[in-house]
Amino acid sequence: RIDGDLDVDSADDLVEAARTCLDADPSPRLLRLDCER
């Protein structure tokens, strides 16, 4: 879930969070980004 502005200050944090999720064992089949907020 993303809350706030996705910009120059926060972009790397999203990528790192996604990388952490995708590197899990087992890797998820679906990565959902909830953009409601």
Full PDB file with SEQRES, HELIX, SHEET, SSBOND, CRYST1, ORIGX, SCALE, CONECT and MASTER records, all heavy atoms in Angstrom:
SEQRES   1 A   37  ARG ILE ASP GLY ASP LEU ASP VAL ASP SER ALA ASP ASP          
SEQRES   2 A   37  LEU VAL GLU ALA ALA ARG THR CYS LEU ASP ALA ASP PRO          
SEQRES   3 A   37  SER PRO ARG LEU LEU ARG LEU ASP CYS GLU ARG                  
HELIX    1 AA1 ALA A   11  LEU A   22  1                                  12    
CRYST1    1.000    1.000    1.000  90.00  90.00  90.00 P 1           1          
ORIGX1      1.000000  0.000000  0.000000        0.00000                         
ORIGX2      0.000000  1.000000  0.000000        0.00000                         
ORIGX3      0.000000  0.000000  1.000000        0.00000                         
SCALE1      1.000000  0.000000  0.000000        0.00000                         
SCALE2      0.000000  1.000000  0.000000        0.00000                         
SCALE3      0.000000  0.000000  1.000000        0.00000                         
ATOM      1  N   ARG A   1       0.855  -1.186   0.000  1.00  0.00           N  
ATOM      2  CA  ARG A   1       0.000   0.000   0.000  1.00  0.00           C  
ATOM      3  C   ARG A   1       0.893   1.238   0.000  1.00  0.00           C  
ATOM      4  O   ARG A   1       1.772   1.379   0.847  1.00  0.00           O  
ATOM      5  CB  ARG A   1      -0.910   0.029   1.210  1.00  0.00           C  
ATOM      6  CG  ARG A   1      -1.718   1.333   1.278  1.00  0.00           C  
ATOM      7  CD  ARG A   1      -2.706   1.320   2.375  1.00  0.00           C  
ATOM      8  NE  ARG A   1      -3.771   0.423   1.957  1.00  0.00           N  
ATOM      9  CZ  ARG A   1      -4.628  -0.146   2.792  1.00  0.00           C  
ATOM     10  NH1 ARG A   1      -4.539   0.066   4.081  1.00  0.00           N  
ATOM     11  NH2 ARG A   1      -5.574  -0.933   2.334  1.00  0.00           N  
ATOM     12  N   ILE A   2       0.654   2.113  -0.966  1.00  0.00           N  
ATOM     13  CA  ILE A   2       1.411   3.355  -1.089  1.00  0.00           C  
ATOM     14  C   ILE A   2       0.576   4.478  -0.495  1.00  0.00           C  
ATOM     15  O   ILE A   2      -0.576   4.663  -0.872  1.00  0.00           O  
ATOM     16  CB  ILE A   2       1.723   3.665  -2.568  1.00  0.00           C  
ATOM     17  CG1 ILE A   2       2.490   2.506  -3.211  1.00  0.00           C  
ATOM     18  CG2 ILE A   2       2.489   4.973  -2.691  1.00  0.00           C  
ATOM     19  CD1 ILE A   2       2.593   2.611  -4.720  1.00  0.00           C  
ATOM     20  N   ASP A   3       1.161   5.227   0.415  1.00  0.00           N  
ATOM     21  CA  ASP A   3       0.456   6.326   1.063  1.00  0.00           C  
ATOM     22  C   ASP A   3       1.305   7.589   0.928  1.00  0.00           C  
ATOM     23  O   ASP A   3       2.420   7.651   1.440  1.00  0.00           O  
ATOM     24  CB  ASP A   3       0.234   5.994   2.538  1.00  0.00           C  
ATOM     25  CG  ASP A   3      -0.735   6.942   3.224  1.00  0.00           C  
ATOM     26  OD1 ASP A   3      -1.096   7.978   2.631  1.00  0.00           O  
ATOM     27  OD2 ASP A   3      -1.136   6.629   4.351  1.00  0.00           O  
ATOM     28  N   GLY A   4       0.812   8.569   0.184  1.00  0.00           N  
ATOM     29  CA  GLY A   4       1.532   9.830   0.028  1.00  0.00           C  
ATOM     30  C   GLY A   4       2.037  10.028  -1.381  1.00  0.00           C  
ATOM     31  O   GLY A   4       1.510   9.473  -2.340  1.00  0.00           O  
ATOM     32  N   ASP A   5       3.079  10.836  -1.504  1.00  0.00           N  
ATOM     33  CA  ASP A   5       3.649  11.194  -2.803  1.00  0.00           C  
ATOM     34  C   ASP A   5       4.733  10.210  -3.224  1.00  0.00           C  
ATOM     35  O   ASP A   5       5.677   9.964  -2.462  1.00  0.00           O  
ATOM     36  CB  ASP A   5       4.276  12.589  -2.747  1.00  0.00           C  
ATOM     37  CG  ASP A   5       3.266  13.686  -2.485  1.00  0.00           C  
ATOM     38  OD1 ASP A   5       2.054  13.447  -2.656  1.00  0.00           O  
ATOM     39  OD2 ASP A   5       3.684  14.803  -2.116  1.00  0.00           O  
ATOM     40  N   LEU A   6       4.597   9.675  -4.427  1.00  0.00           N  
ATOM     41  CA  LEU A   6       5.639   8.825  -5.003  1.00  0.00           C  
ATOM     42  C   LEU A   6       6.453   9.729  -5.914  1.00  0.00           C  
ATOM     43  O   LEU A   6       6.023  10.089  -7.002  1.00  0.00           O  
ATOM     44  CB  LEU A   6       5.019   7.662  -5.780  1.00  0.00           C  
ATOM     45  CG  LEU A   6       5.980   6.641  -6.365  1.00  0.00           C  
ATOM     46  CD1 LEU A   6       6.884   6.048  -5.292  1.00  0.00           C  
ATOM     47  CD2 LEU A   6       5.198   5.539  -7.066  1.00  0.00           C  
ATOM     48  N   ASP A   7       7.616  10.142  -5.405  1.00  0.00           N  
ATOM     49  CA  ASP A   7       8.403  11.149  -6.108  1.00  0.00           C  
ATOM     50  C   ASP A   7       9.890  10.888  -5.923  1.00  0.00           C  
ATOM     51  O   ASP A   7      10.289   9.808  -5.488  1.00  0.00           O  
ATOM     52  CB  ASP A   7       8.020  12.552  -5.628  1.00  0.00           C  
ATOM     53  CG  ASP A   7       8.178  12.747  -4.122  1.00  0.00           C  
ATOM     54  OD1 ASP A   7       8.893  11.955  -3.472  1.00  0.00           O  
ATOM     55  OD2 ASP A   7       7.585  13.697  -3.582  1.00  0.00           O  
ATOM     56  N   VAL A   8      10.687  11.871  -6.247  1.00  0.00           N  
ATOM     57  CA  VAL A   8      12.143  11.744  -6.184  1.00  0.00           C  
ATOM     58  C   VAL A   8      12.617  11.314  -4.793  1.00  0.00           C  
ATOM     59  O   VAL A   8      13.609  10.601  -4.671  1.00  0.00           O  
ATOM     60  CB  VAL A   8      12.830  13.042  -6.660  1.00  0.00           C  
ATOM     61  CG1 VAL A   8      12.569  14.185  -5.687  1.00  0.00           C  
ATOM     62  CG2 VAL A   8      14.315  12.842  -6.882  1.00  0.00           C  
ATOM     63  N   ASP A   9      11.908  11.722  -3.748  1.00  0.00           N  
ATOM     64  CA  ASP A   9      12.317  11.377  -2.386  1.00  0.00           C  
ATOM     65  C   ASP A   9      11.909   9.973  -1.952  1.00  0.00           C  
ATOM     66  O   ASP A   9      12.495   9.424  -1.026  1.00  0.00           O  
ATOM     67  CB  ASP A   9      11.724  12.391  -1.397  1.00  0.00           C  
ATOM     68  CG  ASP A   9      12.273  13.788  -1.600  1.00  0.00           C  
ATOM     69  OD1 ASP A   9      13.472  13.905  -1.925  1.00  0.00           O  
ATOM     70  OD2 ASP A   9      11.510  14.763  -1.444  1.00  0.00           O  
ATOM     71  N   SER A  10      10.917   9.396  -2.607  1.00  0.00           N  
ATOM     72  CA  SER A  10      10.393   8.116  -2.135  1.00  0.00           C  
ATOM     73  C   SER A  10      10.492   6.974  -3.152  1.00  0.00           C  
ATOM     74  O   SER A  10      10.241   5.820  -2.803  1.00  0.00           O  
ATOM     75  CB  SER A  10       8.927   8.293  -1.727  1.00  0.00           C  
ATOM     76  OG  SER A  10       8.161   8.788  -2.818  1.00  0.00           O  
ATOM     77  N   ALA A  11      10.860   7.290  -4.380  1.00  0.00           N  
ATOM     78  CA  ALA A  11      10.881   6.276  -5.444  1.00  0.00           C  
ATOM     79  C   ALA A  11      11.765   5.078  -5.090  1.00  0.00           C  
ATOM     80  O   ALA A  11      11.360   3.919  -5.292  1.00  0.00           O  
ATOM     81  CB  ALA A  11      11.338   6.914  -6.753  1.00  0.00           C  
ATOM     82  N   ASP A  12      12.948   5.332  -4.573  1.00  0.00           N  
ATOM     83  CA  ASP A  12      13.860   4.228  -4.228  1.00  0.00           C  
ATOM     84  C   ASP A  12      13.277   3.320  -3.155  1.00  0.00           C  
ATOM     85  O   ASP A  12      13.528   2.112  -3.156  1.00  0.00           O  
ATOM     86  CB  ASP A  12      15.210   4.764  -3.764  1.00  0.00           C  
ATOM     87  CG  ASP A  12      16.028   5.341  -4.899  1.00  0.00           C  
ATOM     88  OD1 ASP A  12      15.744   5.022  -6.070  1.00  0.00           O  
ATOM     89  OD2 ASP A  12      16.957   6.129  -4.611  1.00  0.00           O  
ATOM     90  N   ASP A  13      12.497   3.885  -2.248  1.00  0.00           N  
ATOM     91  CA  ASP A  13      11.897   3.076  -1.185  1.00  0.00           C  
ATOM     92  C   ASP A  13      10.887   2.080  -1.754  1.00  0.00           C  
ATOM     93  O   ASP A  13      10.816   0.943  -1.299  1.00  0.00           O  
ATOM     94  CB  ASP A  13      11.237   3.969  -0.140  1.00  0.00           C  
ATOM     95  CG  ASP A  13      12.266   4.820   0.576  1.00  0.00           C  
ATOM     96  OD1 ASP A  13      13.193   4.250   1.186  1.00  0.00           O  
ATOM     97  OD2 ASP A  13      12.145   6.053   0.522  1.00  0.00           O  
ATOM     98  N   LEU A  14      10.111   2.504  -2.744  1.00  0.00           N  
ATOM     99  CA  LEU A  14       9.166   1.589  -3.381  1.00  0.00           C  
ATOM    100  C   LEU A  14       9.912   0.467  -4.097  1.00  0.00           C  
ATOM    101  O   LEU A  14       9.559  -0.705  -3.963  1.00  0.00           O  
ATOM    102  CB  LEU A  14       8.257   2.324  -4.360  1.00  0.00           C  
ATOM    103  CG  LEU A  14       7.316   1.406  -5.147  1.00  0.00           C  
ATOM    104  CD1 LEU A  14       6.360   0.672  -4.223  1.00  0.00           C  
ATOM    105  CD2 LEU A  14       6.571   2.194  -6.201  1.00  0.00           C  
ATOM    106  N   VAL A  15      10.943   0.808  -4.849  1.00  0.00           N  
ATOM    107  CA  VAL A  15      11.701  -0.211  -5.578  1.00  0.00           C  
ATOM    108  C   VAL A  15      12.319  -1.210  -4.606  1.00  0.00           C  
ATOM    109  O   VAL A  15      12.273  -2.428  -4.833  1.00  0.00           O  
ATOM    110  CB  VAL A  15      12.776   0.441  -6.476  1.00  0.00           C  
ATOM    111  CG1 VAL A  15      13.684  -0.609  -7.092  1.00  0.00           C  
ATOM    112  CG2 VAL A  15      12.123   1.290  -7.561  1.00  0.00           C  
ATOM    113  N   GLU A  16      12.883  -0.732  -3.521  1.00  0.00           N  
ATOM    114  CA  GLU A  16      13.499  -1.638  -2.541  1.00  0.00           C  
ATOM    115  C   GLU A  16      12.461  -2.521  -1.862  1.00  0.00           C  
ATOM    116  O   GLU A  16      12.711  -3.705  -1.616  1.00  0.00           O  
ATOM    117  CB  GLU A  16      14.313  -0.849  -1.509  1.00  0.00           C  
ATOM    118  CG  GLU A  16      15.607  -0.319  -2.064  1.00  0.00           C  
ATOM    119  CD  GLU A  16      16.446  -1.400  -2.760  1.00  0.00           C  
ATOM    120  OE1 GLU A  16      16.679  -2.484  -2.179  1.00  0.00           O  
ATOM    121  OE2 GLU A  16      16.859  -1.166  -3.911  1.00  0.00           O  
ATOM    122  N   ALA A  17      11.279  -1.967  -1.562  1.00  0.00           N  
ATOM    123  CA  ALA A  17      10.213  -2.773  -0.957  1.00  0.00           C  
ATOM    124  C   ALA A  17       9.769  -3.860  -1.929  1.00  0.00           C  
ATOM    125  O   ALA A  17       9.577  -5.024  -1.540  1.00  0.00           O  
ATOM    126  CB  ALA A  17       9.037  -1.888  -0.560  1.00  0.00           C  
ATOM    127  N   ALA A  18       9.627  -3.499  -3.194  1.00  0.00           N  
ATOM    128  CA  ALA A  18       9.231  -4.478  -4.210  1.00  0.00           C  
ATOM    129  C   ALA A  18      10.303  -5.555  -4.352  1.00  0.00           C  
ATOM    130  O   ALA A  18       9.993  -6.749  -4.422  1.00  0.00           O  
ATOM    131  CB  ALA A  18       8.984  -3.783  -5.541  1.00  0.00           C  
ATOM    132  N   ARG A  19      11.564  -5.138  -4.382  1.00  0.00           N  
ATOM    133  CA  ARG A  19      12.672  -6.094  -4.516  1.00  0.00           C  
ATOM    134  C   ARG A  19      12.662  -7.076  -3.338  1.00  0.00           C  
ATOM    135  O   ARG A  19      12.826  -8.286  -3.516  1.00  0.00           O  
ATOM    136  CB  ARG A  19      14.001  -5.345  -4.584  1.00  0.00           C  
ATOM    137  CG  ARG A  19      15.193  -6.227  -4.900  1.00  0.00           C  
ATOM    138  CD  ARG A  19      16.503  -5.441  -4.899  1.00  0.00           C  
ATOM    139  NE  ARG A  19      16.405  -4.134  -5.526  1.00  0.00           N  
ATOM    140  CZ  ARG A  19      16.742  -3.859  -6.788  1.00  0.00           C  
ATOM    141  NH1 ARG A  19      17.196  -4.808  -7.556  1.00  0.00           N  
ATOM    142  NH2 ARG A  19      16.643  -2.635  -7.252  1.00  0.00           N  
ATOM    143  N   THR A  20      12.453  -6.576  -2.143  1.00  0.00           N  
ATOM    144  CA  THR A  20      12.407  -7.427  -0.953  1.00  0.00           C  
ATOM    145  C   THR A  20      11.274  -8.441  -1.056  1.00  0.00           C  
ATOM    146  O   THR A  20      11.463  -9.628  -0.781  1.00  0.00           O  
ATOM    147  CB  THR A  20      12.239  -6.561   0.315  1.00  0.00           C  
ATOM    148  OG1 THR A  20      13.371  -5.694   0.423  1.00  0.00           O  
ATOM    149  CG2 THR A  20      12.119  -7.410   1.560  1.00  0.00           C  
ATOM    150  N   CYS A  21      10.098  -7.978  -1.482  1.00  0.00           N  
ATOM    151  CA  CYS A  21       8.951  -8.882  -1.632  1.00  0.00           C  
ATOM    152  C   CYS A  21       9.227  -9.948  -2.682  1.00  0.00           C  
ATOM    153  O   CYS A  21       8.920 -11.126  -2.479  1.00  0.00           O  
ATOM    154  CB  CYS A  21       7.708  -8.095  -2.035  1.00  0.00           C  
ATOM    155  SG  CYS A  21       7.070  -6.998  -0.759  1.00  0.00           S  
ATOM    156  N   LEU A  22       9.791  -9.533  -3.799  1.00  0.00           N  
ATOM    157  CA  LEU A  22      10.008 -10.450  -4.915  1.00  0.00           C  
ATOM    158  C   LEU A  22      11.167 -11.413  -4.678  1.00  0.00           C  
ATOM    159  O   LEU A  22      11.229 -12.478  -5.287  1.00  0.00           O  
ATOM    160  CB  LEU A  22      10.220  -9.667  -6.206  1.00  0.00           C  
ATOM    161  CG  LEU A  22       8.989  -8.896  -6.677  1.00  0.00           C  
ATOM    162  CD1 LEU A  22       9.368  -7.862  -7.723  1.00  0.00           C  
ATOM    163  CD2 LEU A  22       7.921  -9.850  -7.194  1.00  0.00           C  
ATOM    164  N   ASP A  23      12.088 -11.050  -3.773  1.00  0.00           N  
ATOM    165  CA  ASP A  23      13.209 -11.928  -3.446  1.00  0.00           C  
ATOM    166  C   ASP A  23      12.850 -12.977  -2.402  1.00  0.00           C  
ATOM    167  O   ASP A  23      13.662 -13.846  -2.085  1.00  0.00           O  
ATOM    168  CB  ASP A  23      14.403 -11.105  -2.933  1.00  0.00           C  
ATOM    169  CG  ASP A  23      15.132 -10.384  -4.049  1.00  0.00           C  
ATOM    170  OD1 ASP A  23      14.885 -10.703  -5.235  1.00  0.00           O  
ATOM    171  OD2 ASP A  23      15.942  -9.483  -3.738  1.00  0.00           O  
ATOM    172  N   ALA A  24      11.634 -12.916  -1.866  1.00  0.00           N  
ATOM    173  CA  ALA A  24      11.204 -13.870  -0.844  1.00  0.00           C  
ATOM    174  C   ALA A  24      11.161 -15.272  -1.441  1.00  0.00           C  
ATOM    175  O   ALA A  24      11.051 -15.443  -2.654  1.00  0.00           O  
ATOM    176  CB  ALA A  24       9.825 -13.482  -0.308  1.00  0.00           C  
ATOM    177  N   ASP A  25      11.261 -16.267  -0.578  1.00  0.00           N  
ATOM    178  CA  ASP A  25      11.183 -17.647  -1.023  1.00  0.00           C  
ATOM    179  C   ASP A  25       9.993 -18.300  -0.336  1.00  0.00           C  
ATOM    180  O   ASP A  25      10.004 -18.425   0.891  1.00  0.00           O  
ATOM    181  CB  ASP A  25      12.477 -18.379  -0.681  1.00  0.00           C  
ATOM    182  CG  ASP A  25      12.529 -19.768  -1.285  1.00  0.00           C  
ATOM    183  OD1 ASP A  25      11.826 -19.995  -2.290  1.00  0.00           O  
ATOM    184  OD2 ASP A  25      13.265 -20.611  -0.748  1.00  0.00           O  
ATOM    185  N   PRO A  26       8.960 -18.655  -1.026  1.00  0.00           N  
ATOM    186  CA  PRO A  26       8.806 -18.565  -2.470  1.00  0.00           C  
ATOM    187  C   PRO A  26       8.438 -17.143  -2.890  1.00  0.00           C  
ATOM    188  O   PRO A  26       7.843 -16.383  -2.135  1.00  0.00           O  
ATOM    189  CB  PRO A  26       7.662 -19.532  -2.774  1.00  0.00           C  
ATOM    190  CG  PRO A  26       6.820 -19.495  -1.540  1.00  0.00           C  
ATOM    191  CD  PRO A  26       7.791 -19.301  -0.394  1.00  0.00           C  
ATOM    192  N   SER A  27       8.781 -16.823  -4.111  1.00  0.00           N  
ATOM    193  CA  SER A  27       8.472 -15.524  -4.686  1.00  0.00           C  
ATOM    194  C   SER A  27       6.964 -15.433  -4.947  1.00  0.00           C  
ATOM    195  O   SER A  27       6.362 -16.426  -5.351  1.00  0.00           O  
ATOM    196  CB  SER A  27       9.247 -15.352  -5.989  1.00  0.00           C  
ATOM    197  OG  SER A  27       8.966 -14.122  -6.580  1.00  0.00           O  
ATOM    198  N   PRO A  28       6.366 -14.270  -4.719  1.00  0.00           N  
ATOM    199  CA  PRO A  28       4.922 -14.158  -4.992  1.00  0.00           C  
ATOM    200  C   PRO A  28       4.632 -14.268  -6.488  1.00  0.00           C  
ATOM    201  O   PRO A  28       5.459 -13.920  -7.320  1.00  0.00           O  
ATOM    202  CB  PRO A  28       4.578 -12.762  -4.462  1.00  0.00           C  
ATOM    203  CG  PRO A  28       5.858 -12.007  -4.499  1.00  0.00           C  
ATOM    204  CD  PRO A  28       6.945 -13.015  -4.256  1.00  0.00           C  
ATOM    205  N   ARG A  29       3.448 -14.752  -6.803  1.00  0.00           N  
ATOM    206  CA  ARG A  29       3.020 -14.817  -8.201  1.00  0.00           C  
ATOM    207  C   ARG A  29       2.415 -13.493  -8.647  1.00  0.00           C  
ATOM    208  O   ARG A  29       2.393 -13.179  -9.820  1.00  0.00           O  
ATOM    209  CB  ARG A  29       1.992 -15.929  -8.390  1.00  0.00           C  
ATOM    210  CG  ARG A  29       2.593 -17.308  -8.197  1.00  0.00           C  
ATOM    211  CD  ARG A  29       1.561 -18.403  -8.391  1.00  0.00           C  
ATOM    212  NE  ARG A  29       0.515 -18.262  -7.372  1.00  0.00           N  
ATOM    213  CZ  ARG A  29      -0.776 -18.396  -7.608  1.00  0.00           C  
ATOM    214  NH1 ARG A  29      -1.213 -18.684  -8.800  1.00  0.00           N  
ATOM    215  NH2 ARG A  29      -1.652 -18.265  -6.636  1.00  0.00           N  
ATOM    216  N   LEU A  30       1.924 -12.722  -7.666  1.00  0.00           N  
ATOM    217  CA  LEU A  30       1.272 -11.454  -7.959  1.00  0.00           C  
ATOM    218  C   LEU A  30       1.733 -10.414  -6.946  1.00  0.00           C  
ATOM    219  O   LEU A  30       1.682 -10.650  -5.741  1.00  0.00           O  
ATOM    220  CB  LEU A  30      -0.253 -11.601  -7.886  1.00  0.00           C  
ATOM    221  CG  LEU A  30      -1.087 -10.338  -8.029  1.00  0.00           C  
ATOM    222  CD1 LEU A  30      -0.908  -9.717  -9.417  1.00  0.00           C  
ATOM    223  CD2 LEU A  30      -2.559 -10.635  -7.771  1.00  0.00           C  
ATOM    224  N   LEU A  31       2.220  -9.297  -7.448  1.00  0.00           N  
ATOM    225  CA  LEU A  31       2.586  -8.161  -6.605  1.00  0.00           C  
ATOM    226  C   LEU A  31       1.577  -7.065  -6.901  1.00  0.00           C  
ATOM    227  O   LEU A  31       1.492  -6.576  -8.022  1.00  0.00           O  
ATOM    228  CB  LEU A  31       4.009  -7.677  -6.914  1.00  0.00           C  
ATOM    229  CG  LEU A  31       4.470  -6.427  -6.165  1.00  0.00           C  
ATOM    230  CD1 LEU A  31       4.452  -6.639  -4.651  1.00  0.00           C  
ATOM    231  CD2 LEU A  31       5.856  -6.014  -6.633  1.00  0.00           C  
ATOM    232  N   ARG A  32       0.790  -6.724  -5.893  1.00  0.00           N  
ATOM    233  CA  ARG A  32      -0.220  -5.680  -6.039  1.00  0.00           C  
ATOM    234  C   ARG A  32       0.266  -4.408  -5.365  1.00  0.00           C  
ATOM    235  O   ARG A  32       0.678  -4.442  -4.216  1.00  0.00           O  
ATOM    236  CB  ARG A  32      -1.529  -6.125  -5.395  1.00  0.00           C  
ATOM    237  CG  ARG A  32      -2.146  -7.313  -6.072  1.00  0.00           C  
ATOM    238  CD  ARG A  32      -3.378  -7.822  -5.374  1.00  0.00           C  
ATOM    239  NE  ARG A  32      -4.246  -6.740  -4.985  1.00  0.00           N  
ATOM    240  CZ  ARG A  32      -5.062  -6.794  -3.940  1.00  0.00           C  
ATOM    241  NH1 ARG A  32      -5.118  -7.865  -3.184  1.00  0.00           N  
ATOM    242  NH2 ARG A  32      -5.837  -5.765  -3.656  1.00  0.00           N  
ATOM    243  N   LEU A  33       0.204  -3.309  -6.092  1.00  0.00           N  
ATOM    244  CA  LEU A  33       0.487  -2.004  -5.504  1.00  0.00           C  
ATOM    245  C   LEU A  33      -0.850  -1.307  -5.326  1.00  0.00           C  
ATOM    246  O   LEU A  33      -1.537  -1.008  -6.307  1.00  0.00           O  
ATOM    247  CB  LEU A  33       1.407  -1.169  -6.404  1.00  0.00           C  
ATOM    248  CG  LEU A  33       2.779  -1.762  -6.711  1.00  0.00           C  
ATOM    249  CD1 LEU A  33       3.590  -0.786  -7.556  1.00  0.00           C  
ATOM    250  CD2 LEU A  33       3.528  -2.113  -5.437  1.00  0.00           C  
ATOM    251  N   ASP A  34      -1.237  -1.078  -4.085  1.00  0.00           N  
ATOM    252  CA  ASP A  34      -2.501  -0.414  -3.789  1.00  0.00           C  
ATOM    253  C   ASP A  34      -2.246   1.093  -3.820  1.00  0.00           C  
ATOM    254  O   ASP A  34      -1.557   1.639  -2.967  1.00  0.00           O  
ATOM    255  CB  ASP A  34      -3.013  -0.846  -2.422  1.00  0.00           C  
ATOM    256  CG  ASP A  34      -4.383  -0.281  -2.103  1.00  0.00           C  
ATOM    257  OD1 ASP A  34      -4.800   0.711  -2.748  1.00  0.00           O  
ATOM    258  OD2 ASP A  34      -5.041  -0.816  -1.195  1.00  0.00           O  
ATOM    259  N   CYS A  35      -2.796   1.754  -4.822  1.00  0.00           N  
ATOM    260  CA  CYS A  35      -2.543   3.182  -5.049  1.00  0.00           C  
ATOM    261  C   CYS A  35      -3.673   4.063  -4.545  1.00  0.00           C  
ATOM    262  O   CYS A  35      -3.718   5.256  -4.862  1.00  0.00           O  
ATOM    263  CB  CYS A  35      -2.335   3.429  -6.542  1.00  0.00           C  
ATOM    264  SG  CYS A  35      -0.974   2.489  -7.238  1.00  0.00           S  
ATOM    265  N   GLU A  36      -4.571   3.504  -3.748  1.00  0.00           N  
ATOM    266  CA  GLU A  36      -5.730   4.267  -3.282  1.00  0.00           C  
ATOM    267  C   GLU A  36      -5.325   5.533  -2.531  1.00  0.00           C  
ATOM    268  O   GLU A  36      -5.962   6.570  -2.656  1.00  0.00           O  
ATOM    269  CB  GLU A  36      -6.605   3.386  -2.391  1.00  0.00           C  
ATOM    270  CG  GLU A  36      -7.886   4.061  -1.960  1.00  0.00           C  
ATOM    271  CD  GLU A  36      -8.819   3.115  -1.234  1.00  0.00           C  
ATOM    272  OE1 GLU A  36      -8.343   2.119  -0.638  1.00  0.00           O  
ATOM    273  OE2 GLU A  36     -10.023   3.355  -1.280  1.00  0.00           O  
ATOM    274  N   ARG A  37      -4.252   5.463  -1.766  1.00  0.00           N  
ATOM    275  CA  ARG A  37      -3.807   6.619  -0.979  1.00  0.00           C  
ATOM    276  C   ARG A  37      -2.634   7.361  -1.622  1.00  0.00           C  
ATOM    277  O   ARG A  37      -2.015   8.208  -0.990  1.00  0.00           O  
ATOM    278  CB  ARG A  37      -3.417   6.170   0.416  1.00  0.00           C  
ATOM    279  CG  ARG A  37      -4.582   5.610   1.196  1.00  0.00           C  
ATOM    280  CD  ARG A  37      -4.137   5.241   2.576  1.00  0.00           C  
ATOM    281  NE  ARG A  37      -5.206   4.565   3.292  1.00  0.00           N  
ATOM    282  CZ  ARG A  37      -5.036   3.925   4.418  1.00  0.00           C  
ATOM    283  NH1 ARG A  37      -3.831   3.856   4.972  1.00  0.00           N  
ATOM    284  NH2 ARG A  37      -6.044   3.332   5.011  1.00  0.00           N  
TER     285      ARG A  37                                                      
MASTER        0    0    0    1    0    0    0    6  284    1    0    3          
END                                                                             
